[in-house]
PDB file of N, CA and C in Angstrom:
ATOM      1  N   MET A   1      -3.968  -5.846   5.980  1.00  0.00           N
ATOM      2  CA  MET A   1      -5.035  -6.197   5.853  1.00  0.00           C
ATOM      3  C   MET A   1      -4.766  -8.095   5.293  1.00  0.00           C
ATOM      4  N   PRO A   2      -5.933  -8.413   5.748  1.00  0.00           N
ATOM      5  CA  PRO A   2      -5.569  -9.983   5.329  1.00  0.00           C
ATOM      6  C   PRO A   2      -6.000 -10.382   3.875  1.00  0.00           C
ATOM      7  N   ASP A   3      -6.983  -9.246   3.490  1.00  0.00           N
ATOM      8  CA  ASP A   3      -7.232  -9.970   2.028  1.00  0.00           C
ATOM      9  C   ASP A   3      -7.052  -8.694   0.802  1.00  0.00           C
ATOM     10  N   HIS A   4      -6.248  -7.764   1.583  1.00  0.00           N
ATOM     11  CA  HIS A   4      -5.765  -6.945   0.345  1.00  0.00           C
ATOM     12  C   HIS A   4      -5.034  -5.928   0.726  1.00  0.00           C
ATOM     13  N   TRP A   5      -4.168  -5.137   0.055  1.00  0.00           N
ATOM     14  CA  TRP A   5      -2.928  -4.654   0.136  1.00  0.00           C
ATOM     15  C   TRP A   5      -2.905  -2.938  -0.260  1.00  0.00           C
ATOM     16  N   HIS A   6      -2.692  -1.991   0.374  1.00  0.00           N
ATOM     17  CA  HIS A   6      -2.568  -0.457   0.344  1.00  0.00           C
ATOM     18  C   HIS A   6      -1.275  -0.009   0.520  1.00  0.00           C
ATOM     19  N   ALA A   7      -0.735   0.583  -0.409  1.00  0.00           N
ATOM     20  CA  ALA A   7       0.911   1.399  -0.442  1.00  0.00           C
ATOM     21  C   ALA A   7       0.585   2.675  -0.888  1.00  0.00           C
ATOM     22  N   LEU A   8       1.265   3.714  -0.485  1.00  0.00           N
ATOM     23  CA  LEU A   8       1.939   4.575  -1.326  1.00  0.00           C
ATOM     24  C   LEU A   8       2.939   4.664  -1.730  1.00  0.00           C
ATOM     25  N   VAL A   9       3.136   4.502  -3.210  1.00  0.00           N
ATOM     26  CA  VAL A   9       4.679   4.237  -4.003  1.00  0.00           C
ATOM     27  C   VAL A   9       4.774   5.203  -4.847  1.00  0.00           C
ATOM     28  N   ALA A  10       5.968   5.813  -5.016  1.00  0.00           N
ATOM     29  CA  ALA A  10       6.156   6.456  -6.241  1.00  0.00           C
ATOM     30  C   ALA A  10       7.079   5.914  -7.272  1.00  0.00           C
ATOM     31  N   PHE A  11       6.414   6.090  -8.667  1.00  0.00           N
ATOM     32  CA  PHE A  11       7.288   5.741  -9.529  1.00  0.00           C
ATOM     33  C   PHE A  11       7.809   6.793 -10.917  1.00  0.00           C
ATOM     34  N   ARG A  12       9.211   6.762 -10.916  1.00  0.00           N
ATOM     35  CA  ARG A  12       9.838   7.846 -11.618  1.00  0.00           C
ATOM     36  C   ARG A  12       9.325   7.482 -13.087  1.00  0.00           C
ATOM     37  N   ASP A  13       9.089   6.303 -13.657  1.00  0.00           N
ATOM     38  CA  ASP A  13       8.657   6.002 -14.780  1.00  0.00           C
ATOM     39  C   ASP A  13       7.704   5.375 -14.815  1.00  0.00           C
ATOM     40  N   ILE A  14       6.369   5.697 -15.055  1.00  0.00           N
ATOM     41  CA  ILE A  14       5.179   5.187 -14.845  1.00  0.00           C
ATOM     42  C   ILE A  14       4.949   3.884 -15.310  1.00  0.00           C
ATOM     43  N   SER A  15       5.394   3.514 -16.555  1.00  0.00           N
ATOM     44  CA  SER A  15       5.592   2.271 -17.321  1.00  0.00           C
ATOM     45  C   SER A  15       5.728   1.301 -16.637  1.00  0.00           C
ATOM     46  N   ARG A  16       6.803   1.278 -15.602  1.00  0.00           N
ATOM     47  CA  ARG A  16       7.401   0.531 -14.550  1.00  0.00           C
ATOM     48  C   ARG A  16       6.604  -0.185 -13.801  1.00  0.00           C
ATOM     49  N   MET A  17       5.335   0.987 -13.590  1.00  0.00           N
ATOM     50  CA  MET A  17       4.538   0.744 -12.216  1.00  0.00           C
ATOM     51  C   MET A  17       3.689  -1.134 -12.629  1.00  0.00           C
ATOM     52  N   GLU A  18       3.039  -1.256 -13.489  1.00  0.00           N
ATOM     53  CA  GLU A  18       2.462  -2.485 -13.701  1.00  0.00           C
ATOM     54  C   GLU A  18       3.268  -3.597 -13.371  1.00  0.00           C
ATOM     55  N   LYS A  19       4.540  -3.589 -14.343  1.00  0.00           N
ATOM     56  CA  LYS A  19       5.676  -4.759 -14.119  1.00  0.00           C
ATOM     57  C   LYS A  19       5.806  -4.960 -12.532  1.00  0.00           C
ATOM     58  N   THR A  20       6.388  -3.688 -11.986  1.00  0.00           N
ATOM     59  CA  THR A  20       6.780  -4.087 -10.456  1.00  0.00           C
ATOM     60  C   THR A  20       5.500  -4.377  -9.614  1.00  0.00           C
ATOM     61  N   VAL A  21       4.473  -4.202  -9.827  1.00  0.00           N
ATOM     62  CA  VAL A  21       3.324  -4.503  -9.155  1.00  0.00           C
ATOM     63  C   VAL A  21       3.248  -6.242  -9.530  1.00  0.00           C
ATOM     64  N   LYS A  22       3.193  -6.651 -10.720  1.00  0.00           N
ATOM     65  CA  LYS A  22       3.098  -8.034 -10.764  1.00  0.00           C
ATOM     66  C   LYS A  22       3.988  -8.801 -10.361  1.00  0.00           C
ATOM     67  N   ASP A  23       5.192  -8.395 -10.542  1.00  0.00           N
ATOM     68  CA  ASP A  23       6.409  -9.207 -10.144  1.00  0.00           C
ATOM     69  C   ASP A  23       6.321  -9.369  -8.409  1.00  0.00           C
ATOM     70  N   TRP A  24       5.890  -7.992  -7.769  1.00  0.00           N
ATOM     71  CA  TRP A  24       5.760  -8.300  -6.159  1.00  0.00           C
ATOM     72  C   TRP A  24       4.536  -8.880  -6.002  1.00  0.00           C
ATOM     73  N   LYS A  25       3.454  -9.099  -6.593  1.00  0.00           N
ATOM     74  CA  LYS A  25       2.165  -9.994  -6.281  1.00  0.00           C
ATOM     75  C   LYS A  25       3.065 -11.654  -6.572  1.00  0.00           C
ATOM     76  N   ARG A  26       3.429 -11.867  -7.640  1.00  0.00           N
ATOM     77  CA  ARG A  26       3.861 -13.086  -7.963  1.00  0.00           C
ATOM     78  C   ARG A  26       4.898 -13.431  -7.087  1.00  0.00           C
ATOM     79  N   TYR A  27       5.926 -12.858  -6.288  1.00  0.00           N
ATOM     80  CA  TYR A  27       6.870 -12.887  -5.449  1.00  0.00           C
ATOM     81  C   TYR A  27       6.134 -13.346  -4.029  1.00  0.00           C
ATOM     82  N   THR A  28       5.258 -12.519  -3.667  1.00  0.00           N
ATOM     83  CA  THR A  28       4.365 -12.616  -2.649  1.00  0.00           C
ATOM     84  C   THR A  28       3.276 -13.959  -2.433  1.00  0.00           C
ATOM     85  N   ALA A  29       3.022 -14.023  -3.787  1.00  0.00           N
ATOM     86  CA  ALA A  29       2.170 -15.596  -3.786  1.00  0.00           C
ATOM     87  C   ALA A  29       2.879 -16.878  -3.722  1.00  0.00           C
ATOM     88  N   LYS A  30       4.335 -16.573  -4.400  1.00  0.00           N
ATOM     89  CA  LYS A  30       4.862 -18.050  -4.006  1.00  0.00           C
ATOM     90  C   LYS A  30       5.412 -17.902  -2.675  1.00  0.00           C
ATOM     91  N   GLN A  31       5.855 -16.889  -2.091  1.00  0.00           N
ATOM     92  CA  GLN A  31       6.402 -16.979  -0.822  1.00  0.00           C
ATOM     93  C   GLN A  31       5.324 -17.287   0.536  1.00  0.00           C
ATOM     94  N   ALA A  32       4.423 -16.710   0.386  1.00  0.00           N
ATOM     95  CA  ALA A  32       3.309 -16.701   1.286  1.00  0.00           C
ATOM     96  C   ALA A  32       1.992 -17.366   0.848  1.00  0.00           C
ATOM     97  N   GLY A  33       2.072 -17.910  -0.243  1.00  0.00           N
ATOM     98  CA  GLY A  33       0.919 -18.819  -0.591  1.00  0.00           C
ATOM     99  C   GLY A  33      -0.434 -17.786  -0.795  1.00  0.00           C
ATOM    100  N   ILE A  34      -0.094 -16.363  -1.091  1.00  0.00           N
ATOM    101  CA  ILE A  34      -1.530 -15.400  -1.096  1.00  0.00           C
ATOM    102  C   ILE A  34      -1.858 -15.694  -2.735  1.00  0.00           C
ATOM    103  N   VAL A  35      -3.225 -15.375  -2.576  1.00  0.00           N
ATOM    104  CA  VAL A  35      -3.946 -15.628  -4.009  1.00  0.00           C
ATOM    105  C   VAL A  35      -4.304 -14.316  -4.151  1.00  0.00           C
ATOM    106  N   TRP A  36      -3.900 -13.598  -5.134  1.00  0.00           N
ATOM    107  CA  TRP A  36      -4.420 -12.113  -5.572  1.00  0.00           C
ATOM    108  C   TRP A  36      -5.201 -12.049  -6.585  1.00  0.00           C
ATOM    109  N   GLN A  37      -5.990 -11.272  -6.358  1.00  0.00           N
ATOM    110  CA  GLN A  37      -7.099 -10.528  -7.605  1.00  0.00           C
ATOM    111  C   GLN A  37      -6.272 -10.376  -8.881  1.00  0.00           C
ATOM    112  N   ASP A  38      -6.641 -10.172 -10.129  1.00  0.00           N
ATOM    113  CA  ASP A  38      -5.643 -10.093 -11.106  1.00  0.00           C
ATOM    114  C   ASP A  38      -5.928  -8.502 -11.110  1.00  0.00           C
ATOM    115  N   GLY A  39      -4.565  -8.109 -11.828  1.00  0.00           N
ATOM    116  CA  GLY A  39      -5.051  -6.421 -11.859  1.00  0.00           C
ATOM    117  C   GLY A  39      -4.480  -5.765 -10.283  1.00  0.00           C
ATOM    118  N   PHE A  40      -4.794  -4.272 -10.532  1.00  0.00           N
ATOM    119  CA  PHE A  40      -4.699  -3.413  -9.625  1.00  0.00           C
ATOM    120  C   PHE A  40      -5.309  -2.031  -9.778  1.00  0.00           C
ATOM    121  N   PHE A  41      -5.447  -1.264  -8.635  1.00  0.00           N
ATOM    122  CA  PHE A  41      -6.084   0.110  -8.844  1.00  0.00           C
ATOM    123  C   PHE A  41      -4.894   0.961  -8.451  1.00  0.00           C
ATOM    124  N   ASP A  42      -4.953   1.871  -9.146  1.00  0.00           N
ATOM    125  CA  ASP A  42      -3.973   3.023  -8.986  1.00  0.00           C
ATOM    126  C   ASP A  42      -4.742   4.485  -8.577  1.00  0.00           C
ATOM    127  N   HIS A  43      -3.992   5.060  -8.134  1.00  0.00           N
ATOM    128  CA  HIS A  43      -4.818   6.719  -8.133  1.00  0.00           C
ATOM    129  C   HIS A  43      -3.624   7.537  -8.067  1.00  0.00           C
ATOM    130  N   ARG A  44      -3.554   8.668  -8.990  1.00  0.00           N
ATOM    131  CA  ARG A  44      -2.761   9.806  -9.003  1.00  0.00           C
ATOM    132  C   ARG A  44      -2.553  10.845  -7.892  1.00  0.00           C
ATOM    133  N   LEU A  45      -1.869  10.982  -7.130  1.00  0.00           N
ATOM    134  CA  LEU A  45      -1.979  12.324  -5.952  1.00  0.00           C
ATOM    135  C   LEU A  45      -1.440  13.354  -6.475  1.00  0.00           C
ATOM    136  N   ARG A  46      -2.038  14.124  -6.604  1.00  0.00           N
ATOM    137  CA  ARG A  46      -2.020  15.596  -7.206  1.00  0.00           C
ATOM    138  C   ARG A  46      -1.792  16.588  -6.212  1.00  0.00           C
ATOM    139  N   SER A  47      -1.785  16.519  -4.953  1.00  0.00           N
ATOM    140  CA  SER A  47      -1.531  17.659  -3.860  1.00  0.00           C
ATOM    141  C   SER A  47      -1.412  16.845  -2.580  1.00  0.00           C
ATOM    142  N   ARG A  48      -0.397  17.758  -1.934  1.00  0.00           N
ATOM    143  CA  ARG A  48      -0.301  17.278  -0.505  1.00  0.00           C
ATOM    144  C   ARG A  48      -1.383  16.733  -0.010  1.00  0.00           C
ATOM    145  N   GLN A  49      -2.539  17.454   0.160  1.00  0.00           N
ATOM    146  CA  GLN A  49      -3.866  17.322   0.691  1.00  0.00           C
ATOM    147  C   GLN A  49      -4.081  15.928   0.127  1.00  0.00           C
ATOM    148  N   SER A  50      -4.375  15.456  -1.090  1.00  0.00           N
ATOM    149  CA  SER A  50      -4.662  14.520  -1.600  1.00  0.00           C
ATOM    150  C   SER A  50      -3.862  12.992  -0.732  1.00  0.00           C
ATOM    151  N   THR A  51      -2.380  13.477  -0.755  1.00  0.00           N
ATOM    152  CA  THR A  51      -1.638  12.146  -0.365  1.00  0.00           C
ATOM    153  C   THR A  51      -1.940  12.080   1.051  1.00  0.00           C
ATOM    154  N   GLU A  52      -2.104  13.227   1.879  1.00  0.00           N
ATOM    155  CA  GLU A  52      -2.660  12.823   3.446  1.00  0.00           C
ATOM    156  C   GLU A  52      -3.868  12.073   3.551  1.00  0.00           C
ATOM    157  N   GLU A  53      -4.687  12.493   2.850  1.00  0.00           N
ATOM    158  CA  GLU A  53      -5.992  11.895   2.802  1.00  0.00           C
ATOM    159  C   GLU A  53      -6.299  10.230   2.431  1.00  0.00           C
ATOM    160  N   LYS A  54      -5.249  10.019   1.568  1.00  0.00           N
ATOM    161  CA  LYS A  54      -5.143   8.581   1.373  1.00  0.00           C
ATOM    162  C   LYS A  54      -4.264   7.775   2.202  1.00  0.00           C
ATOM    163  N   TRP A  55      -3.718   8.648   2.883  1.00  0.00           N
ATOM    164  CA  TRP A  55      -2.402   7.966   4.046  1.00  0.00           C
ATOM    165  C   TRP A  55      -3.458   7.475   5.295  1.00  0.00           C
ATOM    166  N   ARG A  56      -4.390   8.637   5.748  1.00  0.00           N
ATOM    167  CA  ARG A  56      -5.141   8.381   6.805  1.00  0.00           C
ATOM    168  C   ARG A  56      -6.084   7.411   6.294  1.00  0.00           C
ATOM    169  N   TYR A  57      -6.822   7.313   5.293  1.00  0.00           N
ATOM    170  CA  TYR A  57      -7.560   6.298   4.925  1.00  0.00           C
ATOM    171  C   TYR A  57      -6.932   4.466   5.033  1.00  0.00           C
ATOM    172  N   ILE A  58      -5.476   4.397   4.531  1.00  0.00           N
ATOM    173  CA  ILE A  58      -4.651   3.393   4.703  1.00  0.00           C
ATOM    174  C   ILE A  58      -4.972   3.202   5.887  1.00  0.00           C
ATOM    175  N   ARG A  59      -4.087   3.938   6.781  1.00  0.00           N
ATOM    176  CA  ARG A  59      -3.757   3.660   8.292  1.00  0.00           C
ATOM    177  C   ARG A  59      -5.255   3.515   9.138  1.00  0.00           C
ATOM    178  N   LEU A  60      -6.434   4.018   8.746  1.00  0.00           N
ATOM    179  CA  LEU A  60      -7.468   3.774   9.505  1.00  0.00           C
ATOM    180  C   LEU A  60      -8.084   2.474   9.135  1.00  0.00           C
ATOM    181  N   ASN A  61      -7.837   1.534   7.973  1.00  0.00           N
ATOM    182  CA  ASN A  61      -8.534   0.483   7.130  1.00  0.00           C
ATOM    183  C   ASN A  61      -8.416  -0.673   8.205  1.00  0.00           C
ATOM    184  N   PRO A  62      -7.372  -0.718   8.884  1.00  0.00           N
ATOM    185  CA  PRO A  62      -7.355  -1.820  10.259  1.00  0.00           C
ATOM    186  C   PRO A  62      -8.129  -1.950  11.206  1.00  0.00           C
ATOM    187  N   VAL A  63      -8.473  -0.488  11.617  1.00  0.00           N
ATOM    188  CA  VAL A  63      -9.324  -0.357  12.863  1.00  0.00           C
ATOM    189  C   VAL A  63     -10.830  -0.209  11.821  1.00  0.00           C
ATOM    190  N   ARG A  64     -10.932   0.244  11.291  1.00  0.00           N
ATOM    191  CA  ARG A  64     -12.434   0.015  10.767  1.00  0.00           C
ATOM    192  C   ARG A  64     -13.056  -1.578  10.399  1.00  0.00           C
ATOM    193  N   ARG A  65     -12.135  -2.591   9.813  1.00  0.00           N
ATOM    194  CA  ARG A  65     -12.173  -3.933  10.150  1.00  0.00           C
ATOM    195  C   ARG A  65     -12.146  -4.634  11.388  1.00  0.00           C
ATOM    196  N   GLY A  66     -11.825  -3.556  12.285  1.00  0.00           N
ATOM    197  CA  GLY A  66     -11.956  -4.440  13.992  1.00  0.00           C
ATOM    198  C   GLY A  66     -10.797  -5.404  14.012  1.00  0.00           C
ATOM    199  N   LEU A  67      -9.276  -4.938  13.514  1.00  0.00           N
ATOM    200  CA  LEU A  67      -8.304  -5.581  13.520  1.00  0.00           C
ATOM    201  C   LEU A  67      -7.302  -5.073  14.405  1.00  0.00           C
ATOM    202  N   ALA A  68      -7.619  -3.582  14.519  1.00  0.00           N
ATOM    203  CA  ALA A  68      -6.696  -3.075  15.699  1.00  0.00           C
ATOM    204  C   ALA A  68      -7.486  -1.968  16.242  1.00  0.00           C
ATOM    205  N   LEU A  69      -7.203  -1.466  17.487  1.00  0.00           N
ATOM    206  CA  LEU A  69      -7.793  -0.342  18.372  1.00  0.00           C
ATOM    207  C   LEU A  69      -7.569   0.708  17.825  1.00  0.00           C
ATOM    208  N   THR A  70      -6.376   0.946  17.187  1.00  0.00           N
ATOM    209  CA  THR A  70      -5.803   2.435  16.646  1.00  0.00           C
ATOM    210  C   THR A  70      -4.931   2.114  15.585  1.00  0.00           C
ATOM    211  N   PRO A  71      -4.625   2.990  14.860  1.00  0.00           N
ATOM    212  CA  PRO A  71      -3.734   3.054  13.516  1.00  0.00           C
ATOM    213  C   PRO A  71      -2.104   2.236  14.163  1.00  0.00           C
ATOM    214  N   ASP A  72      -2.026   2.858  15.304  1.00  0.00           N
ATOM    215  CA  ASP A  72      -0.725   2.583  15.783  1.00  0.00           C
ATOM    216  C   ASP A  72      -0.651   0.951  16.299  1.00  0.00           C
ATOM    217  N   ASP A  73      -1.982   0.872  16.608  1.00  0.00           N
ATOM    218  CA  ASP A  73      -1.547  -0.857  17.219  1.00  0.00           C
ATOM    219  C   ASP A  73      -1.522  -1.819  15.633  1.00  0.00           C
ATOM    220  N   TRP A  74      -1.818  -1.400  14.889  1.00  0.00           N
ATOM    221  CA  TRP A  74      -1.448  -2.288  13.275  1.00  0.00           C
ATOM    222  C   TRP A  74      -0.307  -2.213  13.052  1.00  0.00           C
ATOM    223  N   PRO A  75       0.760  -3.732  13.273  1.00  0.00           N
ATOM    224  CA  PRO A  75       2.188  -3.606  13.294  1.00  0.00           C
ATOM    225  C   PRO A  75       2.707  -3.566  11.853  1.00  0.00           C
ATOM    226  N   TYR A  76       1.427  -3.839  10.427  1.00  0.00           N
ATOM    227  CA  TYR A  76       2.420  -4.024   9.509  1.00  0.00           C
ATOM    228  C   TYR A  76       2.183  -2.881   8.634  1.00  0.00           C
ATOM    229  N   VAL A  77       2.939  -1.655   8.968  1.00  0.00           N
ATOM    230  CA  VAL A  77       3.186  -0.590   8.382  1.00  0.00           C
ATOM    231  C   VAL A  77       4.690  -0.162   8.462  1.00  0.00           C
ATOM    232  N   TRP A  78       5.034   0.275   7.524  1.00  0.00           N
ATOM    233  CA  TRP A  78       6.248   0.701   6.967  1.00  0.00           C
ATOM    234  C   TRP A  78       6.409   2.028   6.789  1.00  0.00           C
ATOM    235  N   THR A  79       7.179   3.156   7.624  1.00  0.00           N
ATOM    236  CA  THR A  79       7.071   4.758   7.106  1.00  0.00           C
ATOM    237  C   THR A  79       8.392   4.843   6.826  1.00  0.00           C
ATOM    238  N   PRO A  80       9.024   5.572   5.895  1.00  0.00           N
ATOM    239  CA  PRO A  80      10.263   5.647   5.464  1.00  0.00           C
ATOM    240  C   PRO A  80      10.505   6.839   6.268  1.00  0.00           C
ATOM    241  N   LYS A  81      11.837   6.897   6.589  1.00  0.00           N
ATOM    242  CA  LYS A  81      12.175   8.407   7.266  1.00  0.00           C
ATOM    243  C   LYS A  81      12.577   9.323   6.062  1.00  0.00           C
ATOM    244  N   GLU A  82      12.281  10.610   6.721  1.00  0.00           N
ATOM    245  CA  GLU A  82      12.738  11.520   5.650  1.00  0.00           C
ATOM    246  C   GLU A  82      14.235  11.463   5.279  1.00  0.00           C
ATOM    247  N   THR A  83      14.546  11.454   3.787  1.00  0.00           N
ATOM    248  CA  THR A  83      15.939  11.725   3.456  1.00  0.00           C
ATOM    249  C   THR A  83      16.074  12.989   2.606  1.00  0.00           C
ATOM    250  N   ALA A  84      17.411  13.283   2.587  1.00  0.00           N
ATOM    251  CA  ALA A  84      17.640  14.255   2.009  1.00  0.00           C
ATOM    252  C   ALA A  84      18.052  13.991   0.491  1.00  0.00           C
ATOM    253  N   ARG A  85      17.160  15.164  -0.516  1.00  0.00           N
ATOM    254  CA  ARG A  85      17.237  14.975  -1.960  1.00  0.00           C
ATOM    255  C   ARG A  85      18.566  15.742  -2.642  1.00  0.00           C
TER     256      ARG A  85
END
């Protein structure tokens, strides 16, 4: 999205989340000239259903804004491959 960013990100140590987001915003602001709003909103995903609902919301956002016809038309998506744990 041109004016905000959504991501599903997991943190082992929740106290690192704020620093990581601040560092990422500082880096992208410097590299791409983005002016971010202060702070961020986080949501704890407690179930697979909740995670899937948020993922669908994120994927449909560019469609709702008229920036893509389908979620697959939006090129700015990275989905990790399943990895062994």
